[in-house]
């Protein structure tokens, strides 16, 4: 069995879940799949001493960074400590990051990689609240704010916190196969993995909640009835507004147009059905409000760069048989 040593960088103010989420995935690869010590894991800090996470927990590293050796996967988590990092940590990353076979960041760990110049000329993402900061302060980086993780060569960056689990599962699937990743995901009670180009937010979270009661109620109704007539005219009538007034008010209060909001809701509903149900593609298309499988296919290809059938093949979690 090929061993792929993982080194996790620790520092004061690190986000604990950025560390433990991916670590549990890599550790599970050995514990749950019979692959032995597939991912030997070490943690290290600059001086080897304990660090305090942003939530107050203390973590005890295995060694200093200088003693850690060369890993296969170098994992850099995020957290409040990335706001004013120790210059020695940036220097260490600048020197040692290129030596890793695979360079991975979780959440705002991408800010440390960017500060070390390791993201120059690459595509990357980070936690949604830090995307503007990353783009503004590191213009050589092509920031993609939507995906939950981005792969660019041997460098992989993920969005906030739990997205690190999705990225780690993707790496295990790449290394050991889909069955291994599925076994770990089931043990952790998560989906096999969300695709990297899935948006960081659901439609309901991506849009603001409307202030007016009729529009707020309408947002919830849309999510519950994706198969209904969700044209501007129909929604305006339900909100008891003229179509023009409705469209302007909806965008002003939610930050998105009615059409885009409906598109997101329908795509999410279709994706969930493809992941969880045994319904055929035609039934899914009808239930999600697309009308025809071709209309749904076009929406999937545009938003996720994959067709519904391929999405189901990769991400459908079979329902275990009844006992």
C-alpha atoms as a PDB file:
ATOM      1  CA  UNK A   1       0.000   0.000   0.000  1.00  0.00           C
ATOM      2  CA  UNK A   2       1.380   3.393  -1.017  1.00  0.00           C
ATOM      3  CA  UNK A   3       1.821   5.705   1.926  1.00  0.00           C
ATOM      4  CA  UNK A   4       0.995   9.384   1.553  1.00  0.00           C
ATOM      5  CA  UNK A   5       2.197  11.220   4.671  1.00  0.00           C
ATOM      6  CA  UNK A   6       0.031  14.165   5.696  1.00  0.00           C
ATOM      7  CA  UNK A   7       1.487  17.121   7.585  1.00  0.00           C
ATOM      8  CA  UNK A   8      -0.972  19.526   9.224  1.00  0.00           C
ATOM      9  CA  UNK A   9       0.322  22.989  10.080  1.00  0.00           C
ATOM     10  CA  UNK A  10      -0.830  24.311  13.471  1.00  0.00           C
ATOM     11  CA  UNK A  11      -0.713  27.872  14.811  1.00  0.00           C
ATOM     12  CA  UNK A  12      -2.465  29.960  17.445  1.00  0.00           C
ATOM     13  CA  UNK A  13      -5.947  30.936  16.313  1.00  0.00           C
ATOM     14  CA  UNK A  14      -6.394  27.930  14.019  1.00  0.00           C
ATOM     15  CA  UNK A  15      -9.958  26.759  13.333  1.00  0.00           C
ATOM     16  CA  UNK A  16     -10.201  23.351  15.017  1.00  0.00           C
ATOM     17  CA  UNK A  17     -12.634  21.863  12.496  1.00  0.00           C
ATOM     18  CA  UNK A  18     -10.314  22.833   9.655  1.00  0.00           C
ATOM     19  CA  UNK A  19      -7.841  20.466  11.291  1.00  0.00           C
ATOM     20  CA  UNK A  20      -9.995  17.646  12.643  1.00  0.00           C
ATOM     21  CA  UNK A  21     -12.372  17.350   9.669  1.00  0.00           C
ATOM     22  CA  UNK A  22      -9.732  16.402   7.062  1.00  0.00           C
ATOM     23  CA  UNK A  23      -7.712  14.466   9.651  1.00  0.00           C
ATOM     24  CA  UNK A  24     -10.717  12.231  10.416  1.00  0.00           C
ATOM     25  CA  UNK A  25     -11.123  11.553   6.688  1.00  0.00           C
ATOM     26  CA  UNK A  26      -7.483  10.616   6.179  1.00  0.00           C
ATOM     27  CA  UNK A  27      -7.368   8.568   9.390  1.00  0.00           C
ATOM     28  CA  UNK A  28     -10.573   6.808   8.366  1.00  0.00           C
ATOM     29  CA  UNK A  29      -8.926   5.704   5.150  1.00  0.00           C
ATOM     30  CA  UNK A  30      -6.729   3.399   7.196  1.00  0.00           C
ATOM     31  CA  UNK A  31      -9.170   2.460   9.936  1.00  0.00           C
ATOM     32  CA  UNK A  32     -12.238   1.743   7.808  1.00  0.00           C
ATOM     33  CA  UNK A  33     -11.000   0.531   4.419  1.00  0.00           C
ATOM     34  CA  UNK A  34      -8.352  -1.983   5.370  1.00  0.00           C
ATOM     35  CA  UNK A  35      -5.676   0.080   3.655  1.00  0.00           C
ATOM     36  CA  UNK A  36      -3.473   0.231   6.744  1.00  0.00           C
ATOM     37  CA  UNK A  37      -1.422   3.325   7.373  1.00  0.00           C
ATOM     38  CA  UNK A  38      -2.315   4.904   4.026  1.00  0.00           C
ATOM     39  CA  UNK A  39      -2.031   8.439   5.361  1.00  0.00           C
ATOM     40  CA  UNK A  40       0.464   8.761   8.240  1.00  0.00           C
ATOM     41  CA  UNK A  41      -0.562  12.015   9.927  1.00  0.00           C
ATOM     42  CA  UNK A  42       1.665  14.459  11.766  1.00  0.00           C
ATOM     43  CA  UNK A  43       0.903  17.871  13.172  1.00  0.00           C
ATOM     44  CA  UNK A  44       3.524  20.542  13.625  1.00  0.00           C
ATOM     45  CA  UNK A  45       3.883  24.133  14.755  1.00  0.00           C
ATOM     46  CA  UNK A  46       6.762  26.565  14.527  1.00  0.00           C
ATOM     47  CA  UNK A  47       8.199  25.788  17.955  1.00  0.00           C
ATOM     48  CA  UNK A  48       6.475  22.447  18.603  1.00  0.00           C
ATOM     49  CA  UNK A  49       4.581  23.835  21.573  1.00  0.00           C
ATOM     50  CA  UNK A  50       0.807  23.705  22.199  1.00  0.00           C
ATOM     51  CA  UNK A  51      -1.416  26.041  20.186  1.00  0.00           C
ATOM     52  CA  UNK A  52      -4.769  27.461  21.168  1.00  0.00           C
ATOM     53  CA  UNK A  53      -7.520  27.276  18.577  1.00  0.00           C
ATOM     54  CA  UNK A  54      -9.849  30.195  17.930  1.00  0.00           C
ATOM     55  CA  UNK A  55     -12.493  28.455  20.036  1.00  0.00           C
ATOM     56  CA  UNK A  56     -10.093  28.093  22.980  1.00  0.00           C
ATOM     57  CA  UNK A  57      -9.192  24.410  22.623  1.00  0.00           C
ATOM     58  CA  UNK A  58      -5.543  23.479  23.007  1.00  0.00           C
ATOM     59  CA  UNK A  59      -3.782  21.247  20.483  1.00  0.00           C
ATOM     60  CA  UNK A  60      -0.429  19.613  21.076  1.00  0.00           C
ATOM     61  CA  UNK A  61       1.630  19.238  17.874  1.00  0.00           C
ATOM     62  CA  UNK A  62       3.779  16.179  17.223  1.00  0.00           C
ATOM     63  CA  UNK A  63       6.857  18.224  16.370  1.00  0.00           C
ATOM     64  CA  UNK A  64       8.264  21.500  15.151  1.00  0.00           C
ATOM     65  CA  UNK A  65       7.842  22.353  11.490  1.00  0.00           C
ATOM     66  CA  UNK A  66      11.608  22.127  11.039  1.00  0.00           C
ATOM     67  CA  UNK A  67      11.561  18.530  12.285  1.00  0.00           C
ATOM     68  CA  UNK A  68       8.445  17.440  10.420  1.00  0.00           C
ATOM     69  CA  UNK A  69      10.109  16.202   7.238  1.00  0.00           C
ATOM     70  CA  UNK A  70       8.762  16.332   3.704  1.00  0.00           C
ATOM     71  CA  UNK A  71       5.098  15.279   3.429  1.00  0.00           C
ATOM     72  CA  UNK A  72       3.129  14.023   0.491  1.00  0.00           C
ATOM     73  CA  UNK A  73       0.178  16.256   1.445  1.00  0.00           C
ATOM     74  CA  UNK A  74       0.816  19.536   3.239  1.00  0.00           C
ATOM     75  CA  UNK A  75      -2.435  20.748   4.800  1.00  0.00           C
ATOM     76  CA  UNK A  76      -2.766  24.379   5.877  1.00  0.00           C
ATOM     77  CA  UNK A  77      -5.944  25.123   7.891  1.00  0.00           C
ATOM     78  CA  UNK A  78      -7.535  28.507   8.410  1.00  0.00           C
ATOM     79  CA  UNK A  79      -8.865  30.452  11.356  1.00  0.00           C
ATOM     80  CA  UNK A  80      -8.479  33.828  13.004  1.00  0.00           C
ATOM     81  CA  UNK A  81      -4.740  33.244  13.239  1.00  0.00           C
ATOM     82  CA  UNK A  82      -4.395  33.811   9.493  1.00  0.00           C
ATOM     83  CA  UNK A  83      -5.174  37.509   9.917  1.00  0.00           C
ATOM     84  CA  UNK A  84      -1.759  38.394  11.336  1.00  0.00           C
ATOM     85  CA  UNK A  85       0.405  35.337  10.736  1.00  0.00           C
ATOM     86  CA  UNK A  86       3.879  34.899  12.157  1.00  0.00           C
ATOM     87  CA  UNK A  87       6.358  35.911   9.403  1.00  0.00           C
ATOM     88  CA  UNK A  88       8.369  32.796  10.221  1.00  0.00           C
ATOM     89  CA  UNK A  89       5.387  30.637   9.262  1.00  0.00           C
ATOM     90  CA  UNK A  90       5.079  32.408   5.905  1.00  0.00           C
ATOM     91  CA  UNK A  91       8.807  31.935   5.292  1.00  0.00           C
ATOM     92  CA  UNK A  92       8.510  28.223   6.114  1.00  0.00           C
ATOM     93  CA  UNK A  93       5.557  27.814   3.756  1.00  0.00           C
ATOM     94  CA  UNK A  94       7.341  29.706   0.988  1.00  0.00           C
ATOM     95  CA  UNK A  95      10.318  27.366   1.246  1.00  0.00           C
ATOM     96  CA  UNK A  96       8.575  24.067   1.957  1.00  0.00           C
ATOM     97  CA  UNK A  97       5.227  24.387   0.184  1.00  0.00           C
ATOM     98  CA  UNK A  98       6.675  23.707  -3.294  1.00  0.00           C
ATOM     99  CA  UNK A  99       8.353  20.536  -1.972  1.00  0.00           C
ATOM    100  CA  UNK A 100       5.041  18.866  -1.095  1.00  0.00           C
ATOM    101  CA  UNK A 101       3.523  16.540  -3.660  1.00  0.00           C
ATOM    102  CA  UNK A 102       0.119  17.999  -2.841  1.00  0.00           C
ATOM    103  CA  UNK A 103      -0.535  21.387  -1.250  1.00  0.00           C
ATOM    104  CA  UNK A 104      -3.937  21.789   0.416  1.00  0.00           C
ATOM    105  CA  UNK A 105      -5.602  24.620   2.300  1.00  0.00           C
ATOM    106  CA  UNK A 106      -8.875  24.746   4.196  1.00  0.00           C
ATOM    107  CA  UNK A 107     -10.896  27.919   4.684  1.00  0.00           C
ATOM    108  CA  UNK A 108      -8.665  30.976   5.181  1.00  0.00           C
ATOM    109  CA  UNK A 109      -5.556  28.816   5.086  1.00  0.00           C
ATOM    110  CA  UNK A 110      -5.484  30.001   1.463  1.00  0.00           C
ATOM    111  CA  UNK A 111      -4.511  33.456   2.761  1.00  0.00           C
ATOM    112  CA  UNK A 112      -1.325  31.951   4.189  1.00  0.00           C
ATOM    113  CA  UNK A 113      -0.555  30.241   0.887  1.00  0.00           C
ATOM    114  CA  UNK A 114      -1.225  33.463  -0.985  1.00  0.00           C
ATOM    115  CA  UNK A 115       1.009  35.466   1.360  1.00  0.00           C
ATOM    116  CA  UNK A 116       3.774  32.948   0.684  1.00  0.00           C
ATOM    117  CA  UNK A 117       3.287  33.408  -3.071  1.00  0.00           C
ATOM    118  CA  UNK A 118       2.137  29.819  -3.543  1.00  0.00           C
ATOM    119  CA  UNK A 119      -1.144  30.736  -5.254  1.00  0.00           C
ATOM    120  CA  UNK A 120       0.266  33.198  -7.799  1.00  0.00           C
ATOM    121  CA  UNK A 121      -1.053  32.380 -11.261  1.00  0.00           C
ATOM    122  CA  UNK A 122      -3.487  29.802  -9.866  1.00  0.00           C
ATOM    123  CA  UNK A 123      -7.229  29.504  -9.315  1.00  0.00           C
ATOM    124  CA  UNK A 124      -8.267  29.305  -5.672  1.00  0.00           C
ATOM    125  CA  UNK A 125     -11.148  29.707  -3.260  1.00  0.00           C
ATOM    126  CA  UNK A 126     -11.595  30.361   0.445  1.00  0.00           C
ATOM    127  CA  UNK A 127     -14.342  31.003   2.986  1.00  0.00           C
ATOM    128  CA  UNK A 128     -16.975  33.241   1.412  1.00  0.00           C
ATOM    129  CA  UNK A 129     -16.296  36.123   3.798  1.00  0.00           C
ATOM    130  CA  UNK A 130     -12.601  36.204   2.822  1.00  0.00           C
ATOM    131  CA  UNK A 131     -12.963  35.962  -0.966  1.00  0.00           C
ATOM    132  CA  UNK A 132     -12.941  39.737  -1.478  1.00  0.00           C
ATOM    133  CA  UNK A 133      -9.916  40.081   0.793  1.00  0.00           C
ATOM    134  CA  UNK A 134      -8.048  37.361  -1.096  1.00  0.00           C
ATOM    135  CA  UNK A 135      -8.837  38.933  -4.478  1.00  0.00           C
ATOM    136  CA  UNK A 136      -8.056  42.473  -3.372  1.00  0.00           C
ATOM    137  CA  UNK A 137      -4.753  41.756  -1.631  1.00  0.00           C
ATOM    138  CA  UNK A 138      -3.400  39.066  -3.958  1.00  0.00           C
ATOM    139  CA  UNK A 139      -4.197  40.146  -7.534  1.00  0.00           C
ATOM    140  CA  UNK A 140      -2.046  37.362  -8.987  1.00  0.00           C
ATOM    141  CA  UNK A 141      -4.582  34.844  -7.667  1.00  0.00           C
ATOM    142  CA  UNK A 142      -7.739  34.059  -9.657  1.00  0.00           C
ATOM    143  CA  UNK A 143     -10.346  33.847  -6.899  1.00  0.00           C
ATOM    144  CA  UNK A 144     -13.426  31.695  -7.486  1.00  0.00           C
ATOM    145  CA  UNK A 145     -15.912  32.583  -4.724  1.00  0.00           C
ATOM    146  CA  UNK A 146     -18.636  30.066  -5.592  1.00  0.00           C
ATOM    147  CA  UNK A 147     -17.120  26.534  -5.412  1.00  0.00           C
ATOM    148  CA  UNK A 148     -16.622  24.636  -2.174  1.00  0.00           C
ATOM    149  CA  UNK A 149     -13.176  23.604  -3.384  1.00  0.00           C
ATOM    150  CA  UNK A 150     -10.907  24.288  -6.337  1.00  0.00           C
ATOM    151  CA  UNK A 151      -8.149  22.098  -7.777  1.00  0.00           C
ATOM    152  CA  UNK A 152      -5.360  23.712  -9.805  1.00  0.00           C
ATOM    153  CA  UNK A 153      -2.568  21.279 -10.533  1.00  0.00           C
ATOM    154  CA  UNK A 154      -1.175  19.938  -7.267  1.00  0.00           C
ATOM    155  CA  UNK A 155      -2.699  22.809  -5.263  1.00  0.00           C
ATOM    156  CA  UNK A 156      -6.185  22.450  -3.779  1.00  0.00           C
ATOM    157  CA  UNK A 157      -8.039  25.099  -1.791  1.00  0.00           C
ATOM    158  CA  UNK A 158     -11.396  24.744  -0.078  1.00  0.00           C
ATOM    159  CA  UNK A 159     -14.111  26.997   1.244  1.00  0.00           C
ATOM    160  CA  UNK A 160     -14.950  27.358   4.915  1.00  0.00           C
ATOM    161  CA  UNK A 161     -14.680  24.742   7.635  1.00  0.00           C
ATOM    162  CA  UNK A 162     -16.686  21.639   6.632  1.00  0.00           C
ATOM    163  CA  UNK A 163     -15.722  22.069   2.970  1.00  0.00           C
ATOM    164  CA  UNK A 164     -12.348  20.692   4.064  1.00  0.00           C
ATOM    165  CA  UNK A 165     -14.081  17.341   4.604  1.00  0.00           C
ATOM    166  CA  UNK A 166     -15.412  17.410   1.046  1.00  0.00           C
ATOM    167  CA  UNK A 167     -11.964  18.169  -0.316  1.00  0.00           C
ATOM    168  CA  UNK A 168     -10.329  15.447   1.786  1.00  0.00           C
ATOM    169  CA  UNK A 169     -12.917  12.918   0.574  1.00  0.00           C
ATOM    170  CA  UNK A 170     -12.194  13.970  -3.005  1.00  0.00           C
ATOM    171  CA  UNK A 171      -8.488  13.365  -2.451  1.00  0.00           C
ATOM    172  CA  UNK A 172      -9.128   9.933  -0.917  1.00  0.00           C
ATOM    173  CA  UNK A 173     -11.396   9.059  -3.843  1.00  0.00           C
ATOM    174  CA  UNK A 174      -8.601  10.082  -6.215  1.00  0.00           C
ATOM    175  CA  UNK A 175      -6.018   8.016  -4.323  1.00  0.00           C
ATOM    176  CA  UNK A 176      -7.958   4.931  -3.204  1.00  0.00           C
ATOM    177  CA  UNK A 177     -11.146   4.901  -5.266  1.00  0.00           C
ATOM    178  CA  UNK A 178     -14.798   5.742  -4.828  1.00  0.00           C
ATOM    179  CA  UNK A 179     -15.628   2.796  -2.568  1.00  0.00           C
ATOM    180  CA  UNK A 180     -13.044   3.870  -0.014  1.00  0.00           C
ATOM    181  CA  UNK A 181     -14.341   7.447   0.004  1.00  0.00           C
ATOM    182  CA  UNK A 182     -17.936   6.212   0.286  1.00  0.00           C
ATOM    183  CA  UNK A 183     -17.055   4.006   3.264  1.00  0.00           C
ATOM    184  CA  UNK A 184     -15.480   6.940   5.086  1.00  0.00           C
ATOM    185  CA  UNK A 185     -18.338   9.296   4.210  1.00  0.00           C
ATOM    186  CA  UNK A 186     -20.914   6.870   5.576  1.00  0.00           C
ATOM    187  CA  UNK A 187     -18.967   6.508   8.826  1.00  0.00           C
ATOM    188  CA  UNK A 188     -18.798  10.281   9.196  1.00  0.00           C
ATOM    189  CA  UNK A 189     -22.493  10.566   8.229  1.00  0.00           C
ATOM    190  CA  UNK A 190     -21.850  12.918   5.320  1.00  0.00           C
ATOM    191  CA  UNK A 191     -22.535  12.681   1.601  1.00  0.00           C
ATOM    192  CA  UNK A 192     -19.899  10.831  -0.436  1.00  0.00           C
ATOM    193  CA  UNK A 193     -18.742  14.308  -1.202  1.00  0.00           C
ATOM    194  CA  UNK A 194     -20.258  17.421  -2.616  1.00  0.00           C
ATOM    195  CA  UNK A 195     -18.799  18.191  -6.035  1.00  0.00           C
ATOM    196  CA  UNK A 196     -16.164  20.883  -5.954  1.00  0.00           C
ATOM    197  CA  UNK A 197     -18.124  23.216  -8.188  1.00  0.00           C
ATOM    198  CA  UNK A 198     -21.172  23.109  -5.927  1.00  0.00           C
ATOM    199  CA  UNK A 199     -21.894  26.573  -4.552  1.00  0.00           C
ATOM    200  CA  UNK A 200     -20.811  27.406  -1.003  1.00  0.00           C
ATOM    201  CA  UNK A 201     -24.392  28.453  -0.240  1.00  0.00           C
ATOM    202  CA  UNK A 202     -27.792  26.939  -0.803  1.00  0.00           C
ATOM    203  CA  UNK A 203     -30.210  29.197  -2.642  1.00  0.00           C
ATOM    204  CA  UNK A 204     -31.821  30.175   0.652  1.00  0.00           C
ATOM    205  CA  UNK A 205     -28.477  31.092   2.228  1.00  0.00           C
ATOM    206  CA  UNK A 206     -27.008  32.723  -0.876  1.00  0.00           C
ATOM    207  CA  UNK A 207     -29.923  35.124  -1.075  1.00  0.00           C
ATOM    208  CA  UNK A 208     -30.829  37.525   1.666  1.00  0.00           C
ATOM    209  CA  UNK A 209     -34.050  36.943   3.527  1.00  0.00           C
ATOM    210  CA  UNK A 210     -36.614  39.462   2.394  1.00  0.00           C
ATOM    211  CA  UNK A 211     -37.818  41.974   4.965  1.00  0.00           C
ATOM    212  CA  UNK A 212     -41.419  42.109   3.802  1.00  0.00           C
ATOM    213  CA  UNK A 213     -43.601  39.289   5.044  1.00  0.00           C
ATOM    214  CA  UNK A 214     -45.184  38.456   1.645  1.00  0.00           C
ATOM    215  CA  UNK A 215     -41.790  38.166  -0.046  1.00  0.00           C
ATOM    216  CA  UNK A 216     -40.274  36.198   2.837  1.00  0.00           C
ATOM    217  CA  UNK A 217     -43.170  33.753   2.762  1.00  0.00           C
ATOM    218  CA  UNK A 218     -42.847  33.521  -1.008  1.00  0.00           C
ATOM    219  CA  UNK A 219     -39.193  32.509  -0.719  1.00  0.00           C
ATOM    220  CA  UNK A 220     -40.168  29.577   1.488  1.00  0.00           C
ATOM    221  CA  UNK A 221     -43.050  28.666  -0.818  1.00  0.00           C
ATOM    222  CA  UNK A 222     -40.747  28.559  -3.859  1.00  0.00           C
ATOM    223  CA  UNK A 223     -38.433  26.113  -2.078  1.00  0.00           C
ATOM    224  CA  UNK A 224     -41.391  23.840  -1.278  1.00  0.00           C
ATOM    225  CA  UNK A 225     -42.917  24.020  -4.774  1.00  0.00           C
ATOM    226  CA  UNK A 226     -40.148  23.922  -7.405  1.00  0.00           C
ATOM    227  CA  UNK A 227     -42.495  22.138  -9.817  1.00  0.00           C
ATOM    228  CA  UNK A 228     -45.034  24.999  -9.816  1.00  0.00           C
ATOM    229  CA  UNK A 229     -45.357  27.876 -12.266  1.00  0.00           C
ATOM    230  CA  UNK A 230     -42.600  30.138 -10.940  1.00  0.00           C
ATOM    231  CA  UNK A 231     -42.677  32.774 -13.627  1.00  0.00           C
ATOM    232  CA  UNK A 232     -42.409  36.401 -12.539  1.00  0.00           C
ATOM    233  CA  UNK A 233     -46.062  36.913 -13.400  1.00  0.00           C
ATOM    234  CA  UNK A 234     -47.206  33.940 -11.297  1.00  0.00           C
ATOM    235  CA  UNK A 235     -45.009  34.868  -8.341  1.00  0.00           C
ATOM    236  CA  UNK A 236     -46.078  38.502  -8.524  1.00  0.00           C
ATOM    237  CA  UNK A 237     -49.723  37.454  -8.406  1.00  0.00           C
ATOM    238  CA  UNK A 238     -49.033  35.314  -5.339  1.00  0.00           C
ATOM    239  CA  UNK A 239     -47.298  38.265  -3.679  1.00  0.00           C
ATOM    240  CA  UNK A 240     -50.171  40.554  -4.762  1.00  0.00           C
ATOM    241  CA  UNK A 241     -47.853  42.927  -6.605  1.00  0.00           C
ATOM    242  CA  UNK A 242     -47.524  43.976 -10.216  1.00  0.00           C
ATOM    243  CA  UNK A 243     -44.843  41.982 -12.081  1.00  0.00           C
ATOM    244  CA  UNK A 244     -42.622  45.032 -12.433  1.00  0.00           C
ATOM    245  CA  UNK A 245     -42.965  46.073  -8.805  1.00  0.00           C
ATOM    246  CA  UNK A 246     -42.463  42.493  -7.642  1.00  0.00           C
ATOM    247  CA  UNK A 247     -39.278  41.956  -9.679  1.00  0.00           C
ATOM    248  CA  UNK A 248     -37.738  45.189  -8.419  1.00  0.00           C
ATOM    249  CA  UNK A 249     -38.742  44.587  -4.782  1.00  0.00           C
ATOM    250  CA  UNK A 250     -37.540  40.973  -4.820  1.00  0.00           C
ATOM    251  CA  UNK A 251     -34.095  41.907  -6.121  1.00  0.00           C
ATOM    252  CA  UNK A 252     -33.798  44.858  -3.757  1.00  0.00           C
ATOM    253  CA  UNK A 253     -34.580  42.727  -0.716  1.00  0.00           C
ATOM    254  CA  UNK A 254     -32.864  39.437  -1.606  1.00  0.00           C
ATOM    255  CA  UNK A 255     -29.928  40.617  -3.692  1.00  0.00           C
ATOM    256  CA  UNK A 256     -30.874  38.428  -6.647  1.00  0.00           C
ATOM    257  CA  UNK A 257     -33.511  38.359  -9.370  1.00  0.00           C
ATOM    258  CA  UNK A 258     -36.561  36.088  -9.093  1.00  0.00           C
ATOM    259  CA  UNK A 259     -35.341  34.106 -12.096  1.00  0.00           C
ATOM    260  CA  UNK A 260     -31.917  33.401 -10.622  1.00  0.00           C
ATOM    261  CA  UNK A 261     -33.427  32.467  -7.285  1.00  0.00           C
ATOM    262  CA  UNK A 262     -35.790  29.997  -8.946  1.00  0.00           C
ATOM    263  CA  UNK A 263     -32.921  28.543 -11.002  1.00  0.00           C
ATOM    264  CA  UNK A 264     -30.911  27.874  -7.841  1.00  0.00           C
ATOM    265  CA  UNK A 265     -33.851  26.319  -6.012  1.00  0.00           C
ATOM    266  CA  UNK A 266     -34.668  23.998  -8.907  1.00  0.00           C
ATOM    267  CA  UNK A 267     -31.060  22.940  -9.384  1.00  0.00           C
ATOM    268  CA  UNK A 268     -30.689  22.158  -5.671  1.00  0.00           C
ATOM    269  CA  UNK A 269     -33.931  20.170  -5.642  1.00  0.00           C
ATOM    270  CA  UNK A 270     -32.911  18.165  -8.699  1.00  0.00           C
ATOM    271  CA  UNK A 271     -29.437  17.535  -7.309  1.00  0.00           C
ATOM    272  CA  UNK A 272     -30.892  16.292  -4.016  1.00  0.00           C
ATOM    273  CA  UNK A 273     -33.271  13.926  -5.792  1.00  0.00           C
ATOM    274  CA  UNK A 274     -30.466  12.546  -7.953  1.00  0.00           C
ATOM    275  CA  UNK A 275     -28.359  11.949  -4.843  1.00  0.00           C
ATOM    276  CA  UNK A 276     -31.031  10.437  -2.629  1.00  0.00           C
ATOM    277  CA  UNK A 277     -33.917   8.997  -4.657  1.00  0.00           C
ATOM    278  CA  UNK A 278     -34.370   6.185  -7.142  1.00  0.00           C
ATOM    279  CA  UNK A 279     -36.538   8.322  -9.440  1.00  0.00           C
ATOM    280  CA  UNK A 280     -35.665   8.337 -13.113  1.00  0.00           C
ATOM    281  CA  UNK A 281     -34.186  11.405 -14.772  1.00  0.00           C
ATOM    282  CA  UNK A 282     -37.524  12.273 -16.372  1.00  0.00           C
ATOM    283  CA  UNK A 283     -39.320  12.092 -13.020  1.00  0.00           C
ATOM    284  CA  UNK A 284     -36.627  14.222 -11.381  1.00  0.00           C
ATOM    285  CA  UNK A 285     -36.871  16.819 -14.140  1.00  0.00           C
ATOM    286  CA  UNK A 286     -40.631  17.058 -13.694  1.00  0.00           C
ATOM    287  CA  UNK A 287     -40.451  17.181  -9.871  1.00  0.00           C
ATOM    288  CA  UNK A 288     -37.835  19.948 -10.014  1.00  0.00           C
ATOM    289  CA  UNK A 289     -39.891  22.038 -12.392  1.00  0.00           C
ATOM    290  CA  UNK A 290     -37.763  21.638 -15.527  1.00  0.00           C
ATOM    291  CA  UNK A 291     -40.489  20.004 -17.547  1.00  0.00           C
ATOM    292  CA  UNK A 292     -38.142  17.985 -19.750  1.00  0.00           C
ATOM    293  CA  UNK A 293     -34.894  16.080 -19.117  1.00  0.00           C
ATOM    294  CA  UNK A 294     -33.198  18.214 -21.777  1.00  0.00           C
ATOM    295  CA  UNK A 295     -34.020  21.431 -19.927  1.00  0.00           C
ATOM    296  CA  UNK A 296     -32.571  19.939 -16.747  1.00  0.00           C
ATOM    297  CA  UNK A 297     -29.482  18.713 -18.608  1.00  0.00           C
ATOM    298  CA  UNK A 298     -28.805  22.211 -19.936  1.00  0.00           C
ATOM    299  CA  UNK A 299     -29.143  23.668 -16.419  1.00  0.00           C
ATOM    300  CA  UNK A 300     -26.740  21.100 -14.942  1.00  0.00           C
ATOM    301  CA  UNK A 301     -24.129  21.540 -17.673  1.00  0.00           C
ATOM    302  CA  UNK A 302     -24.268  25.318 -17.337  1.00  0.00           C
ATOM    303  CA  UNK A 303     -24.051  25.397 -13.537  1.00  0.00           C
ATOM    304  CA  UNK A 304     -22.029  22.289 -12.702  1.00  0.00           C
ATOM    305  CA  UNK A 305     -20.297  21.308 -15.946  1.00  0.00           C
ATOM    306  CA  UNK A 306     -21.768  17.822 -15.806  1.00  0.00           C
ATOM    307  CA  UNK A 307     -24.923  16.090 -17.032  1.00  0.00           C
ATOM    308  CA  UNK A 308     -27.572  14.801 -14.577  1.00  0.00           C
ATOM    309  CA  UNK A 309     -26.879  11.153 -15.413  1.00  0.00           C
ATOM    310  CA  UNK A 310     -23.163  11.564 -14.749  1.00  0.00           C
ATOM    311  CA  UNK A 311     -23.902  13.492 -11.550  1.00  0.00           C
ATOM    312  CA  UNK A 312     -26.083  10.629 -10.310  1.00  0.00           C
ATOM    313  CA  UNK A 313     -23.448   8.040 -11.228  1.00  0.00           C
ATOM    314  CA  UNK A 314     -20.852   9.831  -9.147  1.00  0.00           C
ATOM    315  CA  UNK A 315     -22.863  11.045  -6.168  1.00  0.00           C
ATOM    316  CA  UNK A 316     -25.896   8.825  -5.710  1.00  0.00           C
ATOM    317  CA  UNK A 317     -25.893   7.167  -2.290  1.00  0.00           C
ATOM    318  CA  UNK A 318     -27.773   3.854  -2.612  1.00  0.00           C
ATOM    319  CA  UNK A 319     -30.489   3.273  -0.028  1.00  0.00           C
ATOM    320  CA  UNK A 320     -29.537   0.195   2.035  1.00  0.00           C
ATOM    321  CA  UNK A 321     -32.004  -2.697   1.669  1.00  0.00           C
ATOM    322  CA  UNK A 322     -34.582  -3.176   4.413  1.00  0.00           C
ATOM    323  CA  UNK A 323     -33.805  -5.923   6.868  1.00  0.00           C
END
